C-alpha atoms as a PDB file:
ATOM      1  CA  ALA A   1      28.135 -12.088 -31.189  1.00  0.00           C
ATOM      2  CA  LEU A   2      28.367  -8.275 -30.670  1.00  0.00           C
ATOM      3  CA  LEU A   3      27.718  -8.346 -27.216  1.00  0.00           C
ATOM      4  CA  PRO A   4      29.794  -6.875 -25.091  1.00  0.00           C
ATOM      5  CA  PRO A   5      31.123  -4.510 -26.844  1.00  0.00           C
ATOM      6  CA  PRO A   6      34.462  -3.059 -25.832  1.00  0.00           C
ATOM      7  CA  GLU A   7      33.171   0.173 -24.303  1.00  0.00           C
ATOM      8  CA  ARG A   8      31.570  -0.418 -20.928  1.00  0.00           C
ATOM      9  CA  ARG A   9      28.757   1.864 -21.497  1.00  0.00           C
ATOM     10  CA  GLY A  10      26.005   1.807 -24.234  1.00  0.00           C
ATOM     11  CA  VAL A  11      22.546   1.416 -25.393  1.00  0.00           C
ATOM     12  CA  VAL A  12      21.120  -1.444 -27.553  1.00  0.00           C
ATOM     13  CA  LEU A  13      17.918  -0.984 -29.458  1.00  0.00           C
ATOM     14  CA  ILE A  14      16.036  -3.734 -30.162  1.00  0.00           C
ATOM     15  CA  ASP A  15      13.511  -3.147 -32.901  1.00  0.00           C
ATOM     16  CA  PRO A  16      12.168  -6.612 -34.443  1.00  0.00           C
ATOM     17  CA  ALA A  17       9.394  -6.785 -37.113  1.00  0.00           C
ATOM     18  CA  TYR A  18       6.919  -8.387 -34.853  1.00  0.00           C
ATOM     19  CA  GLU A  19       5.427 -10.341 -37.856  1.00  0.00           C
ATOM     20  CA  SER A  20       4.865 -13.804 -36.062  1.00  0.00           C
ATOM     21  CA  GLU A  21       3.727 -14.177 -32.522  1.00  0.00           C
ATOM     22  CA  ARG A  22       6.957 -15.864 -31.606  1.00  0.00           C
ATOM     23  CA  GLU A  23       9.055 -12.599 -31.938  1.00  0.00           C
ATOM     24  CA  PHE A  24       7.734 -11.559 -28.587  1.00  0.00           C
ATOM     25  CA  GLY A  25       9.006 -14.686 -26.898  1.00  0.00           C
ATOM     26  CA  ALA A  26      12.220 -14.538 -28.879  1.00  0.00           C
ATOM     27  CA  VAL A  27      12.745 -10.498 -27.760  1.00  0.00           C
ATOM     28  CA  LEU A  28      12.456 -11.813 -24.105  1.00  0.00           C
ATOM     29  CA  ALA A  29      14.674 -14.654 -24.338  1.00  0.00           C
ATOM     30  CA  LEU A  30      17.248 -11.927 -26.328  1.00  0.00           C
ATOM     31  CA  LEU A  31      17.256  -9.736 -23.633  1.00  0.00           C
ATOM     32  CA  ALA A  32      17.713 -11.901 -21.075  1.00  0.00           C
ATOM     33  CA  ASP A  33      20.687 -13.452 -23.137  1.00  0.00           C
ATOM     34  CA  ALA A  34      21.877  -9.919 -23.549  1.00  0.00           C
ATOM     35  CA  ARG A  35      21.744  -9.003 -20.050  1.00  0.00           C
ATOM     36  CA  GLU A  36      23.774 -11.886 -18.853  1.00  0.00           C
ATOM     37  CA  ARG A  37      26.300 -11.266 -21.648  1.00  0.00           C
ATOM     38  CA  TRP A  38      26.599  -7.461 -20.949  1.00  0.00           C
ATOM     39  CA  PRO A  39      25.073  -6.652 -17.454  1.00  0.00           C
ATOM     40  CA  GLY A  40      26.071  -2.925 -17.763  1.00  0.00           C
ATOM     41  CA  GLY A  41      23.905  -2.406 -21.086  1.00  0.00           C
ATOM     42  CA  VAL A  42      21.123  -0.192 -21.389  1.00  0.00           C
ATOM     43  CA  TYR A  43      18.398  -1.863 -23.553  1.00  0.00           C
ATOM     44  CA  ALA A  44      15.548  -0.197 -25.179  1.00  0.00           C
ATOM     45  CA  ILE A  45      12.883  -2.319 -26.839  1.00  0.00           C
ATOM     46  CA  TRP A  46      10.309  -1.092 -29.373  1.00  0.00           C
ATOM     47  CA  TYR A  47       7.108  -2.814 -29.683  1.00  0.00           C
ATOM     48  CA  PRO A  48       3.846  -2.487 -31.421  1.00  0.00           C
ATOM     49  CA  LEU A  49       0.853  -1.049 -29.796  1.00  0.00           C
ATOM     50  CA  VAL A  50      -1.444  -3.450 -31.713  1.00  0.00           C
ATOM     51  CA  PRO A  51      -4.315  -5.906 -30.252  1.00  0.00           C
ATOM     52  CA  LYS A  52      -2.449  -8.938 -30.785  1.00  0.00           C
ATOM     53  CA  PRO A  53      -2.417 -11.109 -27.738  1.00  0.00           C
ATOM     54  CA  GLY A  54       1.426 -11.908 -27.819  1.00  0.00           C
ATOM     55  CA  ALA A  55       1.957  -8.137 -27.304  1.00  0.00           C
ATOM     56  CA  ALA A  56      -0.186  -7.712 -24.684  1.00  0.00           C
ATOM     57  CA  ARG A  57       1.565 -10.508 -22.987  1.00  0.00           C
ATOM     58  CA  PHE A  58       4.600  -9.199 -23.737  1.00  0.00           C
ATOM     59  CA  VAL A  59       4.248  -6.101 -21.933  1.00  0.00           C
ATOM     60  CA  ALA A  60       2.573  -7.817 -19.134  1.00  0.00           C
ATOM     61  CA  ARG A  61       5.705  -9.781 -18.438  1.00  0.00           C
ATOM     62  CA  LEU A  62       7.865  -6.548 -18.773  1.00  0.00           C
ATOM     63  CA  GLU A  63       5.502  -4.317 -16.855  1.00  0.00           C
ATOM     64  CA  ALA A  64       5.118  -7.241 -14.087  1.00  0.00           C
ATOM     65  CA  LEU A  65       8.726  -6.948 -12.868  1.00  0.00           C
ATOM     66  CA  SER A  66       8.661  -4.714  -9.799  1.00  0.00           C
ATOM     67  CA  ALA A  67      10.353  -1.402  -9.355  1.00  0.00           C
ATOM     68  CA  GLY A  68      13.171  -2.941  -7.323  1.00  0.00           C
ATOM     69  CA  GLN A  69      13.566  -5.803 -10.453  1.00  0.00           C
ATOM     70  CA  LYS A  70      13.398  -3.052 -12.774  1.00  0.00           C
ATOM     71  CA  ALA A  71      16.032  -0.852 -11.036  1.00  0.00           C
ATOM     72  CA  MET A  72      18.349  -4.013 -10.246  1.00  0.00           C
ATOM     73  CA  LEU A  73      18.098  -4.706 -14.035  1.00  0.00           C
ATOM     74  CA  ARG A  74      19.543  -1.304 -14.758  1.00  0.00           C
ATOM     75  CA  LEU A  75      22.156  -1.594 -12.041  1.00  0.00           C
ATOM     76  CA  GLY A  76      23.655  -5.090 -13.393  1.00  0.00           C
ATOM     77  CA  PRO A  77      24.394  -7.751 -11.412  1.00  0.00           C
ATOM     78  CA  ASP A  78      27.619  -6.766  -9.573  1.00  0.00           C
ATOM     79  CA  ASN A  79      26.159  -3.293  -8.215  1.00  0.00           C
ATOM     80  CA  ALA A  80      22.687  -5.141  -7.537  1.00  0.00           C
ATOM     81  CA  GLN A  81      24.504  -7.231  -5.115  1.00  0.00           C
ATOM     82  CA  ARG A  82      26.154  -4.048  -3.649  1.00  0.00           C
ATOM     83  CA  VAL A  83      22.874  -2.280  -3.448  1.00  0.00           C
ATOM     84  CA  LYS A  84      21.066  -5.321  -1.821  1.00  0.00           C
ATOM     85  CA  ALA A  85      23.975  -5.784   0.756  1.00  0.00           C
ATOM     86  CA  LYS A  86      23.796  -2.279   1.986  1.00  0.00           C
ATOM     87  CA  LEU A  87      19.674  -2.849   2.145  1.00  0.00           C
ATOM     88  CA  ARG A  88      20.026  -5.554   4.131  1.00  0.00           C
ATOM     89  CA  ALA A  89      22.475  -3.756   6.452  1.00  0.00           C
ATOM     90  CA  LEU A  90      20.083  -0.895   6.442  1.00  0.00           C
ATOM     91  CA  ARG A  91      17.288  -2.626   7.520  1.00  0.00           C
ATOM     92  CA  ALA A  92      19.106  -4.674  10.347  1.00  0.00           C
ATOM     93  CA  GLU A  93      20.181  -1.335  11.889  1.00  0.00           C
ATOM     94  CA  ILE A  94      16.418   0.075  11.670  1.00  0.00           C
ATOM     95  CA  THR A  95      15.140  -3.138  13.212  1.00  0.00           C
ATOM     96  CA  ALA A  96      17.569  -3.079  15.798  1.00  0.00           C
ATOM     97  CA  SER A  97      17.140   0.525  16.895  1.00  0.00           C
ATOM     98  CA  ALA A  98      13.328   0.359  16.817  1.00  0.00           C
ATOM     99  CA  PRO A  99      11.237   1.015  19.788  1.00  0.00           C
ATOM    100  CA  LYS A 100      10.319  -2.393  21.059  1.00  0.00           C
ATOM    101  CA  PRO A 101       6.813  -2.501  22.250  1.00  0.00           C
END
């Protein structure tokens, strides 16, 4: 209910109790919803370094994102589309000017 804030920039700290294994999935769902509602936000998620299967899966899902996906998350959807378009144009230019074998 508090997203997006009136400001265009900000940081959201997510610090759940993680008392049940279900909270790891709930945080991922919350993050997806928050990014949809406020794509320009920066999200910091605290998670415990404990030997729980849910914690390991949670970290694995976050770490499984490619560097590009992580960067695109930070850029937000509008800027991400602009960056992707520029990258496609750059790839086409490089490909067109590459020496033919």
